[in-house]
């Protein structure tokens, strides 16, 4: 299994903290602001990798659809 990159660890920590504080997943832009990524496509790519690694799940139908596995 592939190891997570530092950026992926920071994104996963952001998602955990956001869900604990707000009760729902953050948007791609909220994640980007939190971890210092200005491109939403970069965040989306990293979320896809985290999904492949089994760390998160996403429902493509909603903005705040990120869930921890």
PDB file of N, CA and C in Angstrom:
ATOM      1  N   UNK A   1       0.844  -1.186   0.000  1.00  0.00           N
ATOM      2  CA  UNK A   1       0.000   0.000   0.000  1.00  0.00           C
ATOM      3  C   UNK A   1       0.883   1.239   0.000  1.00  0.00           C
ATOM      4  N   UNK A   2       0.487   2.250  -0.734  1.00  0.00           N
ATOM      5  CA  UNK A   2       1.255   3.490  -0.815  1.00  0.00           C
ATOM      6  C   UNK A   2       1.160   4.276   0.480  1.00  0.00           C
ATOM      7  N   UNK A   3       2.245   4.948   0.796  1.00  0.00           N
ATOM      8  CA  UNK A   3       2.272   5.832   1.950  1.00  0.00           C
ATOM      9  C   UNK A   3       1.638   7.169   1.574  1.00  0.00           C
ATOM     10  N   UNK A   4       1.078   7.845   2.568  1.00  0.00           N
ATOM     11  CA  UNK A   4       0.531   9.179   2.351  1.00  0.00           C
ATOM     12  C   UNK A   4       1.654  10.194   2.300  1.00  0.00           C
ATOM     13  N   UNK A   5       1.462  11.204   1.455  1.00  0.00           N
ATOM     14  CA  UNK A   5       2.405  12.309   1.409  1.00  0.00           C
ATOM     15  C   UNK A   5       2.094  13.267   2.563  1.00  0.00           C
ATOM     16  N   UNK A   6       3.004  14.185   2.808  1.00  0.00           N
ATOM     17  CA  UNK A   6       2.781  15.189   3.861  1.00  0.00           C
ATOM     18  C   UNK A   6       1.546  16.030   3.552  1.00  0.00           C
ATOM     19  N   UNK A   7       1.361  16.392   2.297  1.00  0.00           N
ATOM     20  CA  UNK A   7       0.175  17.162   1.906  1.00  0.00           C
ATOM     21  C   UNK A   7      -1.097  16.372   2.188  1.00  0.00           C
ATOM     22  N   UNK A   8      -1.084  15.085   1.880  1.00  0.00           N
ATOM     23  CA  UNK A   8      -2.262  14.256   2.146  1.00  0.00           C
ATOM     24  C   UNK A   8      -2.519  14.140   3.640  1.00  0.00           C
ATOM     25  N   UNK A   9      -1.465  14.056   4.443  1.00  0.00           N
ATOM     26  CA  UNK A   9      -1.648  14.013   5.907  1.00  0.00           C
ATOM     27  C   UNK A   9      -2.273  15.311   6.412  1.00  0.00           C
ATOM     28  N   UNK A  10      -1.816  16.438   5.866  1.00  0.00           N
ATOM     29  CA  UNK A  10      -2.368  17.732   6.283  1.00  0.00           C
ATOM     30  C   UNK A  10      -3.834  17.853   5.884  1.00  0.00           C
ATOM     31  N   UNK A  11      -4.173  17.373   4.686  1.00  0.00           N
ATOM     32  CA  UNK A  11      -5.566  17.407   4.235  1.00  0.00           C
ATOM     33  C   UNK A  11      -6.430  16.511   5.112  1.00  0.00           C
ATOM     34  N   UNK A  12      -5.951  15.327   5.425  1.00  0.00           N
ATOM     35  CA  UNK A  12      -6.710  14.414   6.269  1.00  0.00           C
ATOM     36  C   UNK A  12      -6.925  15.012   7.660  1.00  0.00           C
ATOM     37  N   UNK A  13      -5.903  15.652   8.211  1.00  0.00           N
ATOM     38  CA  UNK A  13      -6.038  16.312   9.519  1.00  0.00           C
ATOM     39  C   UNK A  13      -7.055  17.449   9.436  1.00  0.00           C
ATOM     40  N   UNK A  14      -7.020  18.200   8.350  1.00  0.00           N
ATOM     41  CA  UNK A  14      -7.988  19.280   8.144  1.00  0.00           C
ATOM     42  C   UNK A  14      -9.409  18.732   8.113  1.00  0.00           C
ATOM     43  N   UNK A  15      -9.617  17.651   7.376  1.00  0.00           N
ATOM     44  CA  UNK A  15     -10.951  17.045   7.275  1.00  0.00           C
ATOM     45  C   UNK A  15     -11.417  16.575   8.648  1.00  0.00           C
ATOM     46  N   UNK A  16     -10.535  15.901   9.395  1.00  0.00           N
ATOM     47  CA  UNK A  16     -10.897  15.431  10.741  1.00  0.00           C
ATOM     48  C   UNK A  16     -11.310  16.590  11.643  1.00  0.00           C
ATOM     49  N   UNK A  17     -10.500  17.640  11.663  1.00  0.00           N
ATOM     50  CA  UNK A  17     -10.785  18.798  12.516  1.00  0.00           C
ATOM     51  C   UNK A  17     -12.073  19.493  12.087  1.00  0.00           C
ATOM     52  N   UNK A  18     -12.267  19.627  10.782  1.00  0.00           N
ATOM     53  CA  UNK A  18     -13.454  20.317  10.283  1.00  0.00           C
ATOM     54  C   UNK A  18     -14.721  19.550  10.655  1.00  0.00           C
ATOM     55  N   UNK A  19     -14.701  18.240  10.463  1.00  0.00           N
ATOM     56  CA  UNK A  19     -15.871  17.435  10.808  1.00  0.00           C
ATOM     57  C   UNK A  19     -16.148  17.500  12.309  1.00  0.00           C
ATOM     58  N   UNK A  20     -15.098  17.448  13.128  1.00  0.00           N
ATOM     59  CA  UNK A  20     -15.279  17.528  14.584  1.00  0.00           C
ATOM     60  C   UNK A  20     -15.893  18.870  14.985  1.00  0.00           C
ATOM     61  N   UNK A  21     -15.492  19.938  14.311  1.00  0.00           N
ATOM     62  CA  UNK A  21     -15.977  21.272  14.668  1.00  0.00           C
ATOM     63  C   UNK A  21     -17.333  21.600  14.066  1.00  0.00           C
ATOM     64  N   UNK A  22     -17.569  21.180  12.807  1.00  0.00           N
ATOM     65  CA  UNK A  22     -18.765  21.594  12.084  1.00  0.00           C
ATOM     66  C   UNK A  22     -19.790  20.487  11.864  1.00  0.00           C
ATOM     67  N   UNK A  23     -19.421  19.240  12.095  1.00  0.00           N
ATOM     68  CA  UNK A  23     -20.361  18.136  11.932  1.00  0.00           C
ATOM     69  C   UNK A  23     -20.584  17.702  10.497  1.00  0.00           C
ATOM     70  N   UNK A  24     -19.844  18.263   9.554  1.00  0.00           N
ATOM     71  CA  UNK A  24     -19.931  17.877   8.150  1.00  0.00           C
ATOM     72  C   UNK A  24     -18.578  18.138   7.508  1.00  0.00           C
ATOM     73  N   UNK A  25     -18.363  17.549   6.348  1.00  0.00           N
ATOM     74  CA  UNK A  25     -17.082  17.693   5.669  1.00  0.00           C
ATOM     75  C   UNK A  25     -16.881  19.090   5.099  1.00  0.00           C
ATOM     76  N   UNK A  26     -15.633  19.506   4.940  1.00  0.00           N
ATOM     77  CA  UNK A  26     -15.334  20.800   4.329  1.00  0.00           C
ATOM     78  C   UNK A  26     -15.453  20.733   2.810  1.00  0.00           C
ATOM     79  N   UNK A  27     -15.576  21.900   2.188  1.00  0.00           N
ATOM     80  CA  UNK A  27     -15.548  21.965   0.733  1.00  0.00           C
ATOM     81  C   UNK A  27     -14.099  21.915   0.257  1.00  0.00           C
ATOM     82  N   UNK A  28     -13.918  21.715  -1.031  1.00  0.00           N
ATOM     83  CA  UNK A  28     -12.576  21.689  -1.614  1.00  0.00           C
ATOM     84  C   UNK A  28     -11.866  23.018  -1.357  1.00  0.00           C
ATOM     85  N   UNK A  29     -12.551  24.121  -1.517  1.00  0.00           N
ATOM     86  CA  UNK A  29     -11.943  25.439  -1.298  1.00  0.00           C
ATOM     87  C   UNK A  29     -11.579  25.657   0.169  1.00  0.00           C
ATOM     88  N   UNK A  30     -12.420  25.195   1.078  1.00  0.00           N
ATOM     89  CA  UNK A  30     -12.102  25.321   2.507  1.00  0.00           C
ATOM     90  C   UNK A  30     -10.853  24.518   2.858  1.00  0.00           C
ATOM     91  N   UNK A  31     -10.737  23.335   2.284  1.00  0.00           N
ATOM     92  CA  UNK A  31      -9.533  22.524   2.509  1.00  0.00           C
ATOM     93  C   UNK A  31      -8.311  23.250   1.956  1.00  0.00           C
ATOM     94  N   UNK A  32      -8.426  23.756   0.751  1.00  0.00           N
ATOM     95  CA  UNK A  32      -7.316  24.462   0.127  1.00  0.00           C
ATOM     96  C   UNK A  32      -6.834  25.630   0.964  1.00  0.00           C
ATOM     97  N   UNK A  33      -7.769  26.435   1.463  1.00  0.00           N
ATOM     98  CA  UNK A  33      -7.385  27.567   2.326  1.00  0.00           C
ATOM     99  C   UNK A  33      -6.684  27.081   3.580  1.00  0.00           C
ATOM    100  N   UNK A  34      -7.166  26.007   4.148  1.00  0.00           N
ATOM    101  CA  UNK A  34      -6.620  25.495   5.405  1.00  0.00           C
ATOM    102  C   UNK A  34      -5.207  24.942   5.259  1.00  0.00           C
ATOM    103  N   UNK A  35      -4.928  24.296   4.138  1.00  0.00           N
ATOM    104  CA  UNK A  35      -3.613  23.650   3.973  1.00  0.00           C
ATOM    105  C   UNK A  35      -2.675  24.407   3.035  1.00  0.00           C
ATOM    106  N   UNK A  36      -3.127  25.550   2.517  1.00  0.00           N
ATOM    107  CA  UNK A  36      -2.252  26.365   1.685  1.00  0.00           C
ATOM    108  C   UNK A  36      -2.155  25.965   0.228  1.00  0.00           C
ATOM    109  N   UNK A  37      -3.192  25.325  -0.295  1.00  0.00           N
ATOM    110  CA  UNK A  37      -3.235  24.992  -1.721  1.00  0.00           C
ATOM    111  C   UNK A  37      -4.221  25.938  -2.401  1.00  0.00           C
ATOM    112  N   UNK A  38      -3.751  26.684  -3.391  1.00  0.00           N
ATOM    113  CA  UNK A  38      -4.620  27.673  -4.030  1.00  0.00           C
ATOM    114  C   UNK A  38      -5.463  27.089  -5.158  1.00  0.00           C
ATOM    115  N   UNK A  39      -5.072  25.945  -5.678  1.00  0.00           N
ATOM    116  CA  UNK A  39      -5.783  25.349  -6.800  1.00  0.00           C
ATOM    117  C   UNK A  39      -6.778  24.290  -6.326  1.00  0.00           C
ATOM    118  N   UNK A  40      -8.081  24.499  -6.589  1.00  0.00           N
ATOM    119  CA  UNK A  40      -9.066  23.480  -6.227  1.00  0.00           C
ATOM    120  C   UNK A  40      -8.791  22.135  -6.901  1.00  0.00           C
ATOM    121  N   UNK A  41      -8.210  22.163  -8.101  1.00  0.00           N
ATOM    122  CA  UNK A  41      -7.924  20.896  -8.772  1.00  0.00           C
ATOM    123  C   UNK A  41      -6.814  20.134  -8.046  1.00  0.00           C
ATOM    124  N   UNK A  42      -5.874  20.830  -7.439  1.00  0.00           N
ATOM    125  CA  UNK A  42      -4.833  20.163  -6.641  1.00  0.00           C
ATOM    126  C   UNK A  42      -5.444  19.488  -5.425  1.00  0.00           C
ATOM    127  N   UNK A  43      -6.373  20.186  -4.778  1.00  0.00           N
ATOM    128  CA  UNK A  43      -7.059  19.607  -3.622  1.00  0.00           C
ATOM    129  C   UNK A  43      -7.871  18.393  -4.065  1.00  0.00           C
ATOM    130  N   UNK A  44      -8.597  18.529  -5.168  1.00  0.00           N
ATOM    131  CA  UNK A  44      -9.417  17.417  -5.666  1.00  0.00           C
ATOM    132  C   UNK A  44      -8.552  16.203  -5.993  1.00  0.00           C
ATOM    133  N   UNK A  45      -7.395  16.435  -6.590  1.00  0.00           N
ATOM    134  CA  UNK A  45      -6.486  15.332  -6.886  1.00  0.00           C
ATOM    135  C   UNK A  45      -6.060  14.620  -5.601  1.00  0.00           C
ATOM    136  N   UNK A  46      -5.659  15.390  -4.603  1.00  0.00           N
ATOM    137  CA  UNK A  46      -5.215  14.805  -3.335  1.00  0.00           C
ATOM    138  C   UNK A  46      -6.364  14.058  -2.646  1.00  0.00           C
ATOM    139  N   UNK A  47      -7.576  14.584  -2.740  1.00  0.00           N
ATOM    140  CA  UNK A  47      -8.732  13.878  -2.169  1.00  0.00           C
ATOM    141  C   UNK A  47      -8.964  12.555  -2.887  1.00  0.00           C
ATOM    142  N   UNK A  48      -8.780  12.548  -4.189  1.00  0.00           N
ATOM    143  CA  UNK A  48      -8.902  11.301  -4.948  1.00  0.00           C
ATOM    144  C   UNK A  48      -7.880  10.270  -4.497  1.00  0.00           C
ATOM    145  N   UNK A  49      -6.654  10.716  -4.274  1.00  0.00           N
ATOM    146  CA  UNK A  49      -5.602   9.807  -3.782  1.00  0.00           C
ATOM    147  C   UNK A  49      -5.960   9.283  -2.387  1.00  0.00           C
ATOM    148  N   UNK A  50      -6.466  10.164  -1.514  1.00  0.00           N
ATOM    149  CA  UNK A  50      -6.868   9.714  -0.176  1.00  0.00           C
ATOM    150  C   UNK A  50      -8.012   8.707  -0.255  1.00  0.00           C
ATOM    151  N   UNK A  51      -8.889   8.903  -1.214  1.00  0.00           N
ATOM    152  CA  UNK A  51      -9.983   7.949  -1.412  1.00  0.00           C
ATOM    153  C   UNK A  51      -9.433   6.611  -1.883  1.00  0.00           C
ATOM    154  N   UNK A  52      -8.483   6.619  -2.800  1.00  0.00           N
ATOM    155  CA  UNK A  52      -7.867   5.379  -3.274  1.00  0.00           C
ATOM    156  C   UNK A  52      -7.136   4.655  -2.152  1.00  0.00           C
ATOM    157  N   UNK A  53      -6.560   5.419  -1.225  1.00  0.00           N
ATOM    158  CA  UNK A  53      -5.852   4.820  -0.091  1.00  0.00           C
ATOM    159  C   UNK A  53      -6.814   4.316   0.994  1.00  0.00           C
ATOM    160  N   UNK A  54      -8.107   4.625   0.858  1.00  0.00           N
ATOM    161  CA  UNK A  54      -9.094   4.162   1.821  1.00  0.00           C
ATOM    162  C   UNK A  54      -9.204   5.015   3.066  1.00  0.00           C
ATOM    163  N   UNK A  55      -8.647   6.224   3.038  1.00  0.00           N
ATOM    164  CA  UNK A  55      -8.684   7.102   4.205  1.00  0.00           C
ATOM    165  C   UNK A  55      -9.986   7.889   4.296  1.00  0.00           C
ATOM    166  N   UNK A  56     -10.594   8.171   3.138  1.00  0.00           N
ATOM    167  CA  UNK A  56     -11.851   8.913   3.095  1.00  0.00           C
ATOM    168  C   UNK A  56     -12.777   8.259   2.080  1.00  0.00           C
ATOM    169  N   UNK A  57     -14.039   8.667   2.141  1.00  0.00           N
ATOM    170  CA  UNK A  57     -14.993   8.320   1.085  1.00  0.00           C
ATOM    171  C   UNK A  57     -15.690   9.613   0.698  1.00  0.00           C
ATOM    172  N   UNK A  58     -16.135   9.657  -0.540  1.00  0.00           N
ATOM    173  CA  UNK A  58     -16.833  10.842  -1.031  1.00  0.00           C
ATOM    174  C   UNK A  58     -18.061  10.431  -1.803  1.00  0.00           C
ATOM    175  N   UNK A  59     -19.107  11.227  -1.655  1.00  0.00           N
ATOM    176  CA  UNK A  59     -20.325  11.081  -2.439  1.00  0.00           C
ATOM    177  C   UNK A  59     -20.304  12.235  -3.433  1.00  0.00           C
ATOM    178  N   UNK A  60     -20.178  11.947  -4.698  1.00  0.00           N
ATOM    179  CA  UNK A  60     -20.011  12.985  -5.710  1.00  0.00           C
ATOM    180  C   UNK A  60     -21.194  13.936  -5.829  1.00  0.00           C
ATOM    181  N   UNK A  61     -22.266  13.670  -5.136  1.00  0.00           N
ATOM    182  CA  UNK A  61     -23.459  14.501  -5.300  1.00  0.00           C
ATOM    183  C   UNK A  61     -23.460  15.759  -4.448  1.00  0.00           C
ATOM    184  N   UNK A  62     -22.594  15.874  -3.443  1.00  0.00           N
ATOM    185  CA  UNK A  62     -22.670  17.037  -2.568  1.00  0.00           C
ATOM    186  C   UNK A  62     -21.342  17.746  -2.372  1.00  0.00           C
ATOM    187  N   UNK A  63     -21.400  19.026  -2.077  1.00  0.00           N
ATOM    188  CA  UNK A  63     -20.197  19.822  -1.825  1.00  0.00           C
ATOM    189  C   UNK A  63     -19.472  19.351  -0.578  1.00  0.00           C
ATOM    190  N   UNK A  64     -20.185  18.943   0.414  1.00  0.00           N
ATOM    191  CA  UNK A  64     -19.594  18.568   1.711  1.00  0.00           C
ATOM    192  C   UNK A  64     -19.722  17.069   1.953  1.00  0.00           C
ATOM    193  N   UNK A  65     -19.354  16.295   0.955  1.00  0.00           N
ATOM    194  CA  UNK A  65     -19.619  14.861   0.990  1.00  0.00           C
ATOM    195  C   UNK A  65     -18.457  14.016   1.486  1.00  0.00           C
ATOM    196  N   UNK A  66     -17.383  14.643   1.974  1.00  0.00           N
ATOM    197  CA  UNK A  66     -16.216  13.896   2.431  1.00  0.00           C
ATOM    198  C   UNK A  66     -16.522  13.248   3.781  1.00  0.00           C
ATOM    199  N   UNK A  67     -16.228  11.967   3.893  1.00  0.00           N
ATOM    200  CA  UNK A  67     -16.412  11.225   5.137  1.00  0.00           C
ATOM    201  C   UNK A  67     -15.138  10.458   5.441  1.00  0.00           C
ATOM    202  N   UNK A  68     -14.827  10.307   6.723  1.00  0.00           N
ATOM    203  CA  UNK A  68     -13.662   9.537   7.138  1.00  0.00           C
ATOM    204  C   UNK A  68     -14.011   8.054   7.106  1.00  0.00           C
ATOM    205  N   UNK A  69     -13.063   7.229   6.754  1.00  0.00           N
ATOM    206  CA  UNK A  69     -13.283   5.778   6.727  1.00  0.00           C
ATOM    207  C   UNK A  69     -12.720   5.143   7.985  1.00  0.00           C
TER     208      UNK A  69
END
